[in-house]
Amino acid sequence: MRINRIKIVLVLATVMITGIVYSVAVRDIQASEKRDTESPENRGKPNVIIILADDLGCGDISLYDGWIKTPRIDQMAREGVMFTDFHSNSSVCSPTRIALLTGRYQQRVGIVDVIKGYEKKGLDPSEVTISGLLKNAGYKTAIFGK
C-alpha cells in the first residue's frame, strides 16, 4: 500500500512540474510574439498571407458557399483584403507556384512542367520573388507545403 502512495505522489509531482514548465514556456513564447508584433519596424505593416491550393476551386470553400468548411479562412477574408482573380498559368503545380512567387510566366523562369522530387532543378536563387521583396521590406517570411 505504501508503494502505491509513493507512486501516486511521484506521478502528481511530475504532472505539477510539467504543468509549471509548460506554463512558463507558453508565457515566454507569448511575450516574445508580443514583442515581435509590437516592434517599431512592424507597426503599420499588414500581415500578408498567400494561400495556393492545388485542385481546389474557389467555389469549394465555405467563403463562397462551398461544401468545405473553412471558418478561419472565412474570418481572414472578412477581416482583410482578398484578391480573387489570380488565374493559373498552368494545369500543373510547379509552374503555377513559380508564377505566383515571381509574377512571371513559367517559360521566362524556365519551369514549364512539374518538378519531381528527384530532379535537381528549381528556381534560380537570383530570381526576384514576392517573398524576397517582402523580406527586404522588413517582413519575416516563411513558406509551408510542398
C-alpha atoms as a PDB file:
ATOM      1  CA  MET A   1       0.000   0.000   0.000  1.00  0.00           C
ATOM      2  CA  ARG A   2       2.863   2.378   0.818  1.00  0.00           C
ATOM      3  CA  ILE A   3       4.443   1.875  -2.625  1.00  0.00           C
ATOM      4  CA  ASN A   4       1.206   2.857  -4.334  1.00  0.00           C
ATOM      5  CA  ARG A   5       1.074   6.110  -2.337  1.00  0.00           C
ATOM      6  CA  ILE A   6       4.674   6.909  -3.262  1.00  0.00           C
ATOM      7  CA  LYS A   7       3.911   6.237  -6.930  1.00  0.00           C
ATOM      8  CA  ILE A   8       0.851   8.478  -6.769  1.00  0.00           C
ATOM      9  CA  VAL A   9       2.849  11.288  -5.137  1.00  0.00           C
ATOM     10  CA  LEU A  10       5.612  10.950  -7.752  1.00  0.00           C
ATOM     11  CA  VAL A  11       3.117  10.991 -10.618  1.00  0.00           C
ATOM     12  CA  LEU A  12       1.336  14.045  -9.194  1.00  0.00           C
ATOM     13  CA  ALA A  13       4.646  15.835  -8.638  1.00  0.00           C
ATOM     14  CA  THR A  14       5.695  15.068 -12.217  1.00  0.00           C
ATOM     15  CA  VAL A  15       2.401  16.369 -13.575  1.00  0.00           C
ATOM     16  CA  MET A  16       2.682  19.547 -11.490  1.00  0.00           C
ATOM     17  CA  ILE A  17       6.278  20.209 -12.536  1.00  0.00           C
ATOM     18  CA  THR A  18       5.407  19.565 -16.187  1.00  0.00           C
ATOM     19  CA  GLY A  19       2.478  21.968 -15.913  1.00  0.00           C
ATOM     20  CA  ILE A  20       4.653  24.669 -14.361  1.00  0.00           C
ATOM     21  CA  VAL A  21       7.366  24.278 -17.007  1.00  0.00           C
ATOM     22  CA  TYR A  22       4.753  24.316 -19.772  1.00  0.00           C
ATOM     23  CA  SER A  23       3.016  27.435 -18.454  1.00  0.00           C
ATOM     24  CA  VAL A  24       6.333  29.295 -18.116  1.00  0.00           C
ATOM     25  CA  ALA A  25       7.310  28.283 -21.657  1.00  0.00           C
ATOM     26  CA  VAL A  26       3.956  29.400 -23.068  1.00  0.00           C
ATOM     27  CA  ARG A  27       4.199  32.705 -21.205  1.00  0.00           C
ATOM     28  CA  ASP A  28       7.691  33.314 -22.605  1.00  0.00           C
ATOM     29  CA  ILE A  29       6.599  32.456 -26.142  1.00  0.00           C
ATOM     30  CA  GLN A  30       3.589  34.756 -25.899  1.00  0.00           C
ATOM     31  CA  ALA A  31       5.751  37.575 -24.552  1.00  0.00           C
ATOM     32  CA  SER A  32       8.230  37.050 -27.390  1.00  0.00           C
ATOM     33  CA  GLU A  33       5.456  37.093 -30.001  1.00  0.00           C
ATOM     34  CA  LYS A  34       4.027  40.263 -28.481  1.00  0.00           C
ATOM     35  CA  ARG A  35       7.441  41.953 -28.653  1.00  0.00           C
ATOM     36  CA  ASP A  36       7.831  40.890 -32.299  1.00  0.00           C
ATOM     37  CA  THR A  37       4.488  42.293 -33.385  1.00  0.00           C
ATOM     38  CA  GLU A  38       4.884  45.495 -31.399  1.00  0.00           C
ATOM     39  CA  SER A  39       8.365  46.337 -32.631  1.00  0.00           C
ATOM     40  CA  PRO A  40       8.648  49.719 -34.370  1.00  0.00           C
ATOM     41  CA  GLU A  41       9.510  48.215 -37.761  1.00  0.00           C
ATOM     42  CA  ASN A  42       6.289  46.143 -37.721  1.00  0.00           C
ATOM     43  CA  ARG A  43       3.882  48.936 -36.805  1.00  0.00           C
ATOM     44  CA  GLY A  44       1.541  49.790 -39.634  1.00  0.00           C
ATOM     45  CA  LYS A  45       2.543  46.844 -41.813  1.00  0.00           C
ATOM     46  CA  PRO A  46      -0.277  44.493 -42.717  1.00  0.00           C
ATOM     47  CA  ASN A  47       0.114  40.754 -42.412  1.00  0.00           C
ATOM     48  CA  VAL A  48       0.451  39.077 -45.797  1.00  0.00           C
ATOM     49  CA  ILE A  49      -0.844  35.527 -46.142  1.00  0.00           C
ATOM     50  CA  ILE A  50      -0.945  33.866 -49.548  1.00  0.00           C
ATOM     51  CA  ILE A  51      -2.715  30.533 -49.911  1.00  0.00           C
ATOM     52  CA  LEU A  52      -2.272  28.389 -53.003  1.00  0.00           C
ATOM     53  CA  ALA A  53      -4.086  25.068 -53.112  1.00  0.00           C
ATOM     54  CA  ASP A  54      -3.798  22.562 -55.936  1.00  0.00           C
ATOM     55  CA  ASP A  55      -7.004  21.143 -57.405  1.00  0.00           C
ATOM     56  CA  LEU A  56      -9.271  23.401 -55.368  1.00  0.00           C
ATOM     57  CA  GLY A  57     -11.832  25.719 -56.852  1.00  0.00           C
ATOM     58  CA  CYS A  58     -12.766  28.903 -55.009  1.00  0.00           C
ATOM     59  CA  GLY A  59     -16.356  27.647 -55.063  1.00  0.00           C
ATOM     60  CA  ASP A  60     -15.325  24.648 -52.952  1.00  0.00           C
ATOM     61  CA  ILE A  61     -14.704  26.559 -49.704  1.00  0.00           C
ATOM     62  CA  SER A  62     -17.364  27.892 -47.351  1.00  0.00           C
ATOM     63  CA  LEU A  63     -16.399  31.522 -48.034  1.00  0.00           C
ATOM     64  CA  TYR A  64     -18.032  31.088 -51.438  1.00  0.00           C
ATOM     65  CA  ASP A  65     -20.848  28.827 -50.206  1.00  0.00           C
ATOM     66  CA  GLY A  66     -18.819  25.713 -50.928  1.00  0.00           C
ATOM     67  CA  TRP A  67     -19.014  22.358 -49.193  1.00  0.00           C
ATOM     68  CA  ILE A  68     -15.607  22.511 -47.448  1.00  0.00           C
ATOM     69  CA  LYS A  69     -15.914  24.336 -44.119  1.00  0.00           C
ATOM     70  CA  THR A  70     -13.069  26.839 -43.726  1.00  0.00           C
ATOM     71  CA  PRO A  71     -14.014  29.094 -40.787  1.00  0.00           C
ATOM     72  CA  ARG A  72     -10.529  30.572 -40.250  1.00  0.00           C
ATOM     73  CA  ILE A  73     -10.042  31.353 -43.923  1.00  0.00           C
ATOM     74  CA  ASP A  74     -13.518  32.905 -43.935  1.00  0.00           C
ATOM     75  CA  GLN A  75     -12.548  35.041 -40.927  1.00  0.00           C
ATOM     76  CA  MET A  76      -9.282  36.180 -42.534  1.00  0.00           C
ATOM     77  CA  ALA A  77     -11.194  37.151 -45.676  1.00  0.00           C
ATOM     78  CA  ARG A  78     -13.786  39.140 -43.728  1.00  0.00           C
ATOM     79  CA  GLU A  79     -11.114  40.999 -41.744  1.00  0.00           C
ATOM     80  CA  GLY A  80      -8.632  41.571 -44.542  1.00  0.00           C
ATOM     81  CA  VAL A  81      -8.237  42.017 -48.260  1.00  0.00           C
ATOM     82  CA  MET A  82      -8.951  39.279 -50.765  1.00  0.00           C
ATOM     83  CA  PHE A  83      -7.540  39.042 -54.246  1.00  0.00           C
ATOM     84  CA  THR A  84      -9.875  36.796 -56.173  1.00  0.00           C
ATOM     85  CA  ASP A  85      -8.550  36.903 -59.724  1.00  0.00           C
ATOM     86  CA  PHE A  86      -5.267  35.008 -59.799  1.00  0.00           C
ATOM     87  CA  HIS A  87      -5.564  32.876 -62.893  1.00  0.00           C
ATOM     88  CA  SER A  88      -3.453  29.766 -63.058  1.00  0.00           C
ATOM     89  CA  ASN A  89      -0.993  29.901 -65.899  1.00  0.00           C
ATOM     90  CA  SER A  90      -0.611  26.126 -65.953  1.00  0.00           C
ATOM     91  CA  SER A  91      -2.562  22.982 -65.250  1.00  0.00           C
ATOM     92  CA  VAL A  92       0.195  21.596 -63.002  1.00  0.00           C
ATOM     93  CA  CYS A  93       1.609  22.794 -59.709  1.00  0.00           C
ATOM     94  CA  SER A  94       5.265  23.791 -60.243  1.00  0.00           C
ATOM     95  CA  PRO A  95       4.722  26.407 -62.983  1.00  0.00           C
ATOM     96  CA  THR A  96       1.737  27.825 -61.108  1.00  0.00           C
ATOM     97  CA  ARG A  97       3.802  28.225 -57.933  1.00  0.00           C
ATOM     98  CA  ILE A  98       6.619  29.853 -59.902  1.00  0.00           C
ATOM     99  CA  ALA A  99       4.185  32.355 -61.435  1.00  0.00           C
ATOM    100  CA  LEU A 100       2.772  33.236 -58.026  1.00  0.00           C
ATOM    101  CA  LEU A 101       6.214  33.612 -56.421  1.00  0.00           C
ATOM    102  CA  THR A 102       7.827  35.605 -59.233  1.00  0.00           C
ATOM    103  CA  GLY A 103       4.979  37.305 -61.076  1.00  0.00           C
ATOM    104  CA  ARG A 104       6.430  35.974 -64.338  1.00  0.00           C
ATOM    105  CA  TYR A 105       5.372  33.401 -66.901  1.00  0.00           C
ATOM    106  CA  GLN A 106       6.858  29.977 -66.250  1.00  0.00           C
ATOM    107  CA  GLN A 107       8.656  29.947 -69.616  1.00  0.00           C
ATOM    108  CA  ARG A 108      10.613  33.047 -68.646  1.00  0.00           C
ATOM    109  CA  VAL A 109      11.739  31.396 -65.435  1.00  0.00           C
ATOM    110  CA  GLY A 110      12.432  28.018 -67.038  1.00  0.00           C
ATOM    111  CA  ILE A 111       9.918  25.935 -65.071  1.00  0.00           C
ATOM    112  CA  VAL A 112       7.383  24.636 -67.588  1.00  0.00           C
ATOM    113  CA  ASP A 113       6.429  21.291 -66.059  1.00  0.00           C
ATOM    114  CA  VAL A 114       6.163  19.549 -62.695  1.00  0.00           C
ATOM    115  CA  ILE A 115       9.427  19.413 -60.739  1.00  0.00           C
ATOM    116  CA  LYS A 116       9.732  15.907 -59.378  1.00  0.00           C
ATOM    117  CA  GLY A 117      11.469  15.356 -56.040  1.00  0.00           C
ATOM    118  CA  TYR A 118      14.481  13.613 -57.529  1.00  0.00           C
ATOM    119  CA  GLU A 119      15.170  16.294 -60.128  1.00  0.00           C
ATOM    120  CA  LYS A 120      17.928  18.759 -59.395  1.00  0.00           C
ATOM    121  CA  LYS A 121      16.292  21.831 -60.822  1.00  0.00           C
ATOM    122  CA  GLY A 122      14.257  24.640 -59.454  1.00  0.00           C
ATOM    123  CA  LEU A 123      14.039  28.368 -59.186  1.00  0.00           C
ATOM    124  CA  ASP A 124      17.278  30.254 -59.782  1.00  0.00           C
ATOM    125  CA  PRO A 125      18.296  31.788 -56.419  1.00  0.00           C
ATOM    126  CA  SER A 126      18.903  35.135 -58.132  1.00  0.00           C
ATOM    127  CA  GLU A 127      15.262  35.327 -59.289  1.00  0.00           C
ATOM    128  CA  VAL A 128      13.238  38.115 -57.641  1.00  0.00           C
ATOM    129  CA  THR A 129      10.305  36.703 -55.647  1.00  0.00           C
ATOM    130  CA  ILE A 130       7.457  38.190 -53.675  1.00  0.00           C
ATOM    131  CA  SER A 131       8.931  36.686 -50.506  1.00  0.00           C
ATOM    132  CA  GLY A 132      12.299  38.310 -51.218  1.00  0.00           C
ATOM    133  CA  LEU A 133      10.656  41.685 -51.759  1.00  0.00           C
ATOM    134  CA  LEU A 134       8.691  41.327 -48.524  1.00  0.00           C
ATOM    135  CA  LYS A 135      11.832  40.283 -46.642  1.00  0.00           C
ATOM    136  CA  ASN A 136      13.670  43.347 -47.974  1.00  0.00           C
ATOM    137  CA  ALA A 137      10.761  45.450 -46.701  1.00  0.00           C
ATOM    138  CA  GLY A 138      11.303  44.114 -43.170  1.00  0.00           C
ATOM    139  CA  TYR A 139       8.827  41.245 -43.123  1.00  0.00           C
ATOM    140  CA  LYS A 140       9.530  37.840 -41.627  1.00  0.00           C
ATOM    141  CA  THR A 141       8.749  35.319 -44.348  1.00  0.00           C
ATOM    142  CA  ALA A 142       8.076  31.594 -44.488  1.00  0.00           C
ATOM    143  CA  ILE A 143       6.696  29.055 -46.916  1.00  0.00           C
ATOM    144  CA  PHE A 144       4.872  25.877 -45.976  1.00  0.00           C
ATOM    145  CA  GLY A 145       3.799  22.940 -48.094  1.00  0.00           C
ATOM    146  CA  LYS A 146       5.421  21.151 -50.936  1.00  0.00           C
END
